[in-house]
Amino acid sequence: MPAEQHRRLRSRWLAATLSTVVGLLLSDGFLRLAGWPAPGYYLDGHGPLPLRLPGKQGGAYPSGHGRLLHYDYDVACDANTDGFRERERTPKTPGEWRIGILGNSFAAGVGVEADERFPSIWFGARPEVGNYARSTLWNLSTPWCSTHCEAEIAEAFAPRYELDELILVFYGGSDLAGNMQGSQIGPSPPVRSQVVDELRVVLRENCRLCSLVWIQGLRSFASFSPAGVFDTHEMERVWPATKQALDKFAAAAGSRPVSVWYLPPVAEWSDTTWAKSVAEFGYDKNARHLARNMVAAWAAATEVAFVDLGTSLRDSCTVAECMFSIEPHLNARGHVVVAQGLLSDGLHPRP
């Protein structure tokens, strides 16, 4: 190839590369100006910041005045010194009855304001008379927590918060799988490459264009996979770890009254999602409520109160109405529907 032609090809390649880089930078800058977010937790205006693993040391959130920012929402998320989305601990007053809520990101209210969470709505509807007025609610739920983690929090923090009653919010969509990771029972789950995870975080937090492409790719090409649906054979494999975790929670509660509020995955309460699950994966009808039935049976055997939070969702919601479009969490309407279901069942805080 003649030297002159080689120089021209090289110049064209460099020009095309430079144009592409400039175009990407301009696109990323435009998305920043347009307000396309880097999702995550922001503390005093700085972020996104990494969350910590919850457990005996406390909740996942760094302490301070924070915000949770995502493609679906932008909400306040103030955390106390223990890492929970809750007020600071205070000494217990005479006659006060303290109720502790322990659960994962659903009970913690990811995506909604603190007073829009279904435990807050439920508690706020209590009669303001007599002993009811002396009850208080303390939400020690946190993201990245399954039942094993919630048992550790109950053991460490129920005495510190002087809780009189514990409510465990069990999410059927992820707690069974999460309990496998927190247990020594069964094989360890596959571990993703740390390099890949770190690169994903860096791109998500610093490249708005990358996050836009990621979200559009999820919408266009993500495969359907129903969370929390297990056939009988799979349940035999995963259930021992969850039973161990539930037993651990009951032991941590000690003599305190315990209730289990079962929050079902979408496939349990949405007929449309269940039909799609059956069509694509061939589940039999017994698989739909198998997780709920196993948790309910444990509660009955342990003499623990059991409440199915899915009834109101089945009766009053579609996925589009009660879930965020991208984030797989309940939106504000979903929380209201769950709380209304609790109240319609006559469930009030203990007087």
Protein backbone atom coordinates (compact mmCIF):
# COMPACT_ATOMS: atom_id res chain seq x y z
CA MET A 1 0.00 0.00 0.00
CA PRO A 2 1.47 3.40 -1.00
CA ALA A 3 2.49 5.63 1.90
CA GLU A 4 0.09 8.40 0.84
CA GLN A 5 -2.90 6.03 0.80
CA HIS A 6 -1.87 4.62 4.17
CA ARG A 7 -1.76 8.14 5.64
CA ARG A 8 -5.22 8.92 4.25
CA LEU A 9 -6.71 5.74 5.77
CA ARG A 10 -5.07 6.47 9.08
CA SER A 11 -6.38 10.03 9.04
CA ARG A 12 -9.90 8.79 8.27
CA TRP A 13 -9.71 6.25 11.09
CA LEU A 14 -8.50 8.88 13.55
CA ALA A 15 -11.20 11.32 12.42
CA ALA A 16 -13.91 8.67 12.78
CA THR A 17 -12.61 7.68 16.23
CA LEU A 18 -12.40 11.29 17.37
CA SER A 19 -15.91 12.00 16.07
CA THR A 20 -17.26 8.98 17.91
CA VAL A 21 -15.57 9.97 21.17
CA VAL A 22 -16.79 13.57 20.88
CA GLY A 23 -20.29 12.35 20.06
CA LEU A 24 -20.34 10.05 23.09
CA LEU A 25 -19.06 12.82 25.36
CA LEU A 26 -21.66 15.25 24.06
CA SER A 27 -24.41 12.65 24.50
CA ASP A 28 -23.27 11.94 28.04
CA GLY A 29 -23.15 15.68 28.78
CA PHE A 30 -26.64 16.18 27.36
CA LEU A 31 -28.02 13.38 29.56
CA ARG A 32 -26.42 15.03 32.61
CA LEU A 33 -27.98 18.39 31.72
CA ALA A 34 -31.33 16.68 31.12
CA GLY A 35 -31.20 15.15 34.62
CA TRP A 36 -30.67 11.49 33.73
CA PRO A 37 -29.48 10.13 37.11
CA ALA A 38 -26.64 7.99 38.30
CA PRO A 39 -28.77 5.72 40.53
CA GLY A 40 -27.85 5.18 44.12
CA TYR A 41 -27.72 6.63 47.61
CA TYR A 42 -26.70 10.28 48.01
CA LEU A 43 -25.66 11.67 51.38
CA ASP A 44 -25.78 15.43 51.92
CA GLY A 45 -25.71 15.89 48.15
CA HIS A 46 -22.70 13.62 47.54
CA GLY A 47 -22.84 10.27 45.79
CA PRO A 48 -23.78 7.78 44.73
CA LEU A 49 -22.27 6.11 47.79
CA PRO A 50 -21.86 2.38 48.39
CA LEU A 51 -24.19 0.76 50.90
CA ARG A 52 -22.78 -1.51 53.58
CA LEU A 53 -23.76 -5.11 54.17
CA PRO A 54 -26.44 -5.19 56.88
CA GLY A 55 -26.51 -7.49 59.88
CA LYS A 56 -25.18 -7.39 63.43
CA GLN A 57 -23.52 -4.02 62.74
CA GLY A 58 -26.78 -2.42 61.62
CA GLY A 59 -28.58 -1.41 58.43
CA ALA A 60 -27.21 -0.75 54.96
CA TYR A 61 -27.45 3.04 54.83
CA PRO A 62 -24.71 5.49 55.80
CA SER A 63 -25.96 7.74 58.57
CA GLY A 64 -27.25 11.22 57.65
CA HIS A 65 -29.67 13.10 55.45
CA GLY A 66 -29.74 11.01 52.29
CA ARG A 67 -31.69 10.57 49.08
CA LEU A 68 -32.40 7.49 47.03
CA LEU A 69 -32.15 8.33 43.36
CA HIS A 70 -33.20 5.98 40.57
CA TYR A 71 -34.78 6.09 37.12
CA ASP A 72 -38.19 5.54 38.74
CA TYR A 73 -37.91 7.79 41.80
CA ASP A 74 -36.10 10.44 43.81
CA VAL A 75 -37.00 10.25 47.52
CA ALA A 76 -35.59 11.32 50.88
CA CYS A 77 -33.80 8.55 52.77
CA ASP A 78 -32.52 9.76 56.13
CA ALA A 79 -30.72 7.10 58.16
CA ASN A 80 -29.92 6.97 61.87
CA THR A 81 -26.56 6.09 63.39
CA ASP A 82 -27.42 2.38 63.22
CA GLY A 83 -27.93 2.54 59.44
CA PHE A 84 -31.72 2.19 59.49
CA ARG A 85 -34.25 4.46 57.79
CA GLU A 86 -35.60 5.37 61.20
CA ARG A 87 -35.33 8.04 63.90
CA GLU A 88 -32.56 7.79 66.47
CA ARG A 89 -33.00 5.53 69.46
CA THR A 90 -34.53 7.15 72.52
CA PRO A 91 -35.19 5.90 76.05
CA LYS A 92 -38.43 4.04 76.41
CA THR A 93 -41.23 5.87 78.21
CA PRO A 94 -43.42 4.27 80.93
CA GLY A 95 -46.22 2.22 79.40
CA GLU A 96 -44.83 2.45 75.86
CA TRP A 97 -45.26 -0.64 73.64
CA ARG A 98 -42.58 -0.78 70.96
CA ILE A 99 -43.23 -2.67 67.73
CA GLY A 100 -40.27 -3.56 65.53
CA ILE A 101 -40.60 -4.17 61.78
CA LEU A 102 -37.81 -6.26 60.24
CA GLY A 103 -37.63 -7.00 56.54
CA ASN A 104 -35.81 -6.28 53.31
CA SER A 105 -35.99 -3.40 50.83
CA PHE A 106 -39.78 -3.73 50.42
CA ALA A 107 -40.46 -3.14 54.10
CA ALA A 108 -37.72 -0.48 54.17
CA GLY A 109 -39.68 1.32 51.47
CA VAL A 110 -37.14 1.59 48.66
CA GLY A 111 -38.58 4.06 46.15
CA VAL A 112 -41.15 5.75 48.41
CA GLU A 113 -41.02 8.33 51.18
CA ALA A 114 -40.73 7.04 54.76
CA ASP A 115 -44.34 7.88 55.60
CA GLU A 116 -45.55 6.11 52.43
CA ARG A 117 -44.26 2.70 53.51
CA PHE A 118 -47.01 0.16 54.21
CA PRO A 119 -45.93 -0.39 57.85
CA SER A 120 -46.12 3.38 58.44
CA ILE A 121 -49.56 3.66 56.82
CA TRP A 122 -50.83 0.67 58.80
CA PHE A 123 -49.49 2.01 62.07
CA GLY A 124 -50.73 5.55 61.38
CA ALA A 125 -54.31 4.26 61.13
CA ARG A 126 -54.35 2.95 64.72
CA PRO A 127 -56.87 4.47 67.14
CA GLU A 128 -55.29 7.39 69.00
CA VAL A 129 -56.94 6.47 72.29
CA GLY A 130 -56.04 4.54 75.39
CA ASN A 131 -53.17 2.09 75.16
CA TYR A 132 -53.03 2.44 71.37
CA ALA A 133 -51.67 5.96 71.82
CA ARG A 134 -48.73 4.55 73.80
CA SER A 135 -47.54 2.20 71.06
CA THR A 136 -44.67 3.20 68.77
CA LEU A 137 -43.31 1.73 65.55
CA TRP A 138 -39.63 1.19 64.79
CA ASN A 139 -38.78 0.10 61.26
CA LEU A 140 -35.43 -1.72 61.27
CA SER A 141 -35.84 -3.08 57.75
CA THR A 142 -32.97 -2.65 55.33
CA PRO A 143 -32.01 -3.50 51.74
CA TRP A 144 -29.81 -6.51 51.04
CA CYS A 145 -31.31 -8.44 53.94
CA SER A 146 -32.91 -11.88 54.04
CA THR A 147 -34.22 -13.78 57.05
CA HIS A 148 -30.75 -14.77 58.32
CA CYS A 149 -29.72 -11.11 58.26
CA GLU A 150 -33.00 -10.02 59.87
CA ALA A 151 -32.44 -12.56 62.67
CA GLU A 152 -29.01 -11.03 63.30
CA ILE A 153 -30.56 -7.56 63.44
CA ALA A 154 -33.26 -8.78 65.84
CA GLU A 155 -30.67 -10.37 68.11
CA ALA A 156 -28.44 -7.29 68.16
CA PHE A 157 -30.93 -4.42 68.05
CA ALA A 158 -34.23 -5.57 69.58
CA PRO A 159 -32.71 -5.15 73.08
CA ARG A 160 -31.12 -1.80 72.18
CA TYR A 161 -34.41 -0.41 70.87
CA GLU A 162 -36.27 -2.07 73.77
CA LEU A 163 -38.74 -3.67 71.36
CA ASP A 164 -41.75 -5.47 72.83
CA GLU A 165 -43.06 -7.11 69.65
CA LEU A 166 -41.44 -8.17 66.37
CA ILE A 167 -42.99 -8.33 62.91
CA LEU A 168 -40.97 -10.15 60.26
CA VAL A 169 -41.81 -9.17 56.69
CA PHE A 170 -40.88 -12.22 54.62
CA TYR A 171 -40.56 -11.48 50.90
CA GLY A 172 -41.23 -14.60 48.85
CA GLY A 173 -39.46 -13.14 45.82
CA SER A 174 -35.92 -13.22 47.21
CA ASP A 175 -35.75 -14.38 50.82
CA LEU A 176 -35.53 -18.08 50.03
CA ALA A 177 -32.60 -17.56 47.66
CA GLY A 178 -31.03 -15.03 50.04
CA ASN A 179 -31.25 -17.47 52.93
CA MET A 180 -29.26 -19.98 50.89
CA GLN A 181 -26.43 -17.44 50.75
CA GLY A 182 -26.61 -16.75 54.48
CA SER A 183 -26.65 -20.42 55.45
CA GLN A 184 -24.14 -23.23 55.56
CA ILE A 185 -26.78 -25.58 54.14
CA GLY A 186 -26.41 -26.64 50.51
CA PRO A 187 -23.95 -25.55 47.82
CA SER A 188 -22.68 -21.99 47.70
CA PRO A 189 -24.23 -19.84 44.97
CA PRO A 190 -22.04 -18.89 42.02
CA VAL A 191 -19.92 -15.79 42.61
CA ARG A 192 -19.69 -13.19 39.88
CA SER A 193 -16.34 -11.77 38.88
CA GLN A 194 -15.32 -8.92 41.20
CA VAL A 195 -13.75 -7.10 38.26
CA VAL A 196 -17.02 -7.24 36.32
CA ASP A 197 -19.00 -6.01 39.34
CA GLU A 198 -16.58 -3.14 39.97
CA LEU A 199 -16.62 -2.12 36.29
CA ARG A 200 -20.41 -2.20 36.27
CA VAL A 201 -20.53 0.10 39.31
CA VAL A 202 -18.00 2.53 37.83
CA LEU A 203 -19.90 2.78 34.54
CA ARG A 204 -23.26 3.14 36.29
CA GLU A 205 -22.02 5.94 38.52
CA ASN A 206 -19.95 7.88 36.00
CA CYS A 207 -21.37 7.26 32.54
CA ARG A 208 -24.92 8.47 31.99
CA LEU A 209 -24.95 7.14 28.43
CA CYS A 210 -23.95 3.68 29.65
CA SER A 211 -26.82 3.63 32.14
CA LEU A 212 -29.27 4.76 29.45
CA VAL A 213 -28.13 1.99 27.11
CA TRP A 214 -28.33 -0.50 30.00
CA ILE A 215 -31.89 0.41 30.89
CA GLN A 216 -33.08 0.36 27.28
CA GLY A 217 -31.37 -2.99 26.84
CA LEU A 218 -33.15 -4.37 29.90
CA ARG A 219 -36.48 -3.16 28.54
CA SER A 220 -35.84 -4.63 25.10
CA PHE A 221 -33.89 -7.84 25.64
CA ALA A 222 -34.17 -8.96 29.28
CA SER A 223 -35.47 -12.49 29.62
CA PHE A 224 -38.49 -13.20 31.79
CA SER A 225 -37.70 -15.02 35.02
CA PRO A 226 -40.35 -15.27 37.77
CA ALA A 227 -38.77 -14.58 41.16
CA GLY A 228 -39.70 -16.75 44.10
CA VAL A 229 -41.45 -19.55 42.22
CA PHE A 230 -40.26 -23.05 43.11
CA ASP A 231 -41.51 -26.49 42.19
CA THR A 232 -41.56 -29.20 44.82
CA HIS A 233 -38.08 -30.52 43.95
CA GLU A 234 -36.51 -27.05 44.09
CA MET A 235 -38.26 -26.27 47.37
CA GLU A 236 -36.80 -29.40 48.94
CA ARG A 237 -33.37 -27.96 48.10
CA VAL A 238 -33.89 -24.37 49.29
CA TRP A 239 -36.29 -24.76 52.21
CA PRO A 240 -33.86 -26.10 54.88
CA ALA A 241 -31.87 -22.84 54.80
CA THR A 242 -35.03 -20.77 55.21
CA LYS A 243 -36.31 -22.95 58.04
CA GLN A 244 -32.97 -22.51 59.75
CA ALA A 245 -33.23 -18.74 59.29
CA LEU A 246 -36.82 -18.61 60.60
CA ASP A 247 -35.84 -20.69 63.64
CA LYS A 248 -32.95 -18.30 64.21
CA PHE A 249 -35.32 -15.33 64.08
CA ALA A 250 -37.73 -16.93 66.53
CA ALA A 251 -34.85 -17.63 68.92
CA ALA A 252 -33.66 -14.02 68.64
CA ALA A 253 -37.17 -12.79 69.46
CA GLY A 254 -37.14 -14.72 72.74
CA SER A 255 -40.36 -14.17 74.68
CA ARG A 256 -41.51 -11.27 72.49
CA PRO A 257 -44.68 -11.83 70.41
CA VAL A 258 -43.79 -12.51 66.75
CA SER A 259 -45.82 -12.16 63.56
CA VAL A 260 -44.80 -13.07 60.03
CA TRP A 261 -46.17 -10.89 57.25
CA TYR A 262 -45.71 -12.75 53.98
CA LEU A 263 -45.22 -10.46 50.97
CA PRO A 264 -45.61 -12.57 47.81
CA PRO A 265 -43.62 -12.21 44.58
CA VAL A 266 -45.49 -10.84 41.58
CA ALA A 267 -46.20 -14.29 40.12
CA GLU A 268 -48.26 -15.14 43.21
CA TRP A 269 -50.60 -12.17 43.09
CA SER A 270 -50.68 -11.30 39.36
CA ASP A 271 -52.64 -13.76 37.22
CA THR A 272 -51.01 -12.34 34.08
CA THR A 273 -47.49 -12.94 35.41
CA TRP A 274 -48.43 -16.40 36.64
CA ALA A 275 -49.89 -17.35 33.25
CA LYS A 276 -46.67 -16.23 31.58
CA SER A 277 -44.64 -18.26 34.08
CA VAL A 278 -46.65 -21.38 33.33
CA ALA A 279 -46.40 -20.84 29.57
CA GLU A 280 -42.61 -20.35 29.59
CA PHE A 281 -41.50 -22.66 32.41
CA GLY A 282 -44.28 -25.23 32.71
CA TYR A 283 -44.94 -24.80 36.43
CA ASP A 284 -47.81 -26.80 37.86
CA LYS A 285 -50.47 -25.02 39.88
CA ASN A 286 -49.02 -26.13 43.22
CA ALA A 287 -45.84 -24.14 42.62
CA ARG A 288 -47.61 -20.78 42.65
CA HIS A 289 -48.20 -20.63 46.41
CA LEU A 290 -45.71 -23.23 47.58
CA ALA A 291 -43.40 -20.70 49.25
CA ARG A 292 -46.29 -19.07 51.08
CA ASN A 293 -47.62 -22.43 52.21
CA MET A 294 -44.23 -23.50 53.55
CA VAL A 295 -43.80 -20.29 55.56
CA ALA A 296 -47.39 -20.52 56.82
CA ALA A 297 -46.84 -24.12 57.92
CA TRP A 298 -43.68 -23.10 59.80
CA ALA A 299 -45.61 -20.29 61.51
CA ALA A 300 -48.41 -22.66 62.55
CA ALA A 301 -45.95 -25.21 63.93
CA THR A 302 -44.08 -22.49 65.82
CA GLU A 303 -47.28 -20.82 67.06
CA VAL A 304 -46.40 -17.58 65.29
CA ALA A 305 -49.09 -15.37 63.74
CA PHE A 306 -49.07 -15.45 59.92
CA VAL A 307 -50.52 -12.80 57.60
CA ASP A 308 -50.62 -13.04 53.79
CA LEU A 309 -50.09 -9.54 52.38
CA GLY A 310 -50.92 -10.71 48.87
CA THR A 311 -54.70 -10.81 49.25
CA SER A 312 -55.19 -7.09 48.71
CA LEU A 313 -52.68 -7.01 45.85
CA ARG A 314 -54.53 -9.82 44.07
CA ASP A 315 -57.84 -8.01 44.51
CA SER A 316 -56.83 -4.40 43.85
CA CYS A 317 -53.69 -4.19 41.71
CA THR A 318 -52.12 -4.79 38.37
CA VAL A 319 -48.34 -4.86 38.01
CA ALA A 320 -48.39 -1.59 36.08
CA GLU A 321 -50.45 0.11 38.81
CA CYS A 322 -48.54 -1.05 41.87
CA MET A 323 -44.94 -1.68 40.78
CA PHE A 324 -42.26 0.63 39.42
CA SER A 325 -41.65 0.28 35.70
CA ILE A 326 -37.93 -0.53 36.04
CA GLU A 327 -37.19 -1.16 39.71
CA PRO A 328 -38.89 -4.37 40.95
CA HIS A 329 -40.39 -2.72 44.04
CA LEU A 330 -43.83 -1.58 45.12
CA ASN A 331 -44.60 2.02 44.23
CA ALA A 332 -46.59 4.34 46.52
CA ARG A 333 -49.93 2.90 45.40
CA GLY A 334 -48.68 -0.64 46.03
CA HIS A 335 -47.78 0.29 49.61
CA VAL A 336 -51.23 1.82 50.14
CA VAL A 337 -52.94 -1.31 48.84
CA VAL A 338 -50.91 -3.57 51.16
CA ALA A 339 -51.65 -1.34 54.16
CA GLN A 340 -55.35 -1.24 53.33
CA GLY A 341 -55.37 -5.01 53.19
CA LEU A 342 -53.89 -5.21 56.70
CA LEU A 343 -56.48 -2.79 58.03
CA SER A 344 -59.39 -4.49 56.28
CA ASP A 345 -58.34 -7.74 57.99
CA GLY A 346 -58.77 -5.94 61.32
CA LEU A 347 -55.06 -5.94 62.12
CA HIS A 348 -54.04 -3.10 64.42
CA PRO A 349 -51.00 -2.61 66.63
CA ARG A 350 -51.33 -4.27 70.02
CA PRO A 351 -52.94 -1.93 72.57
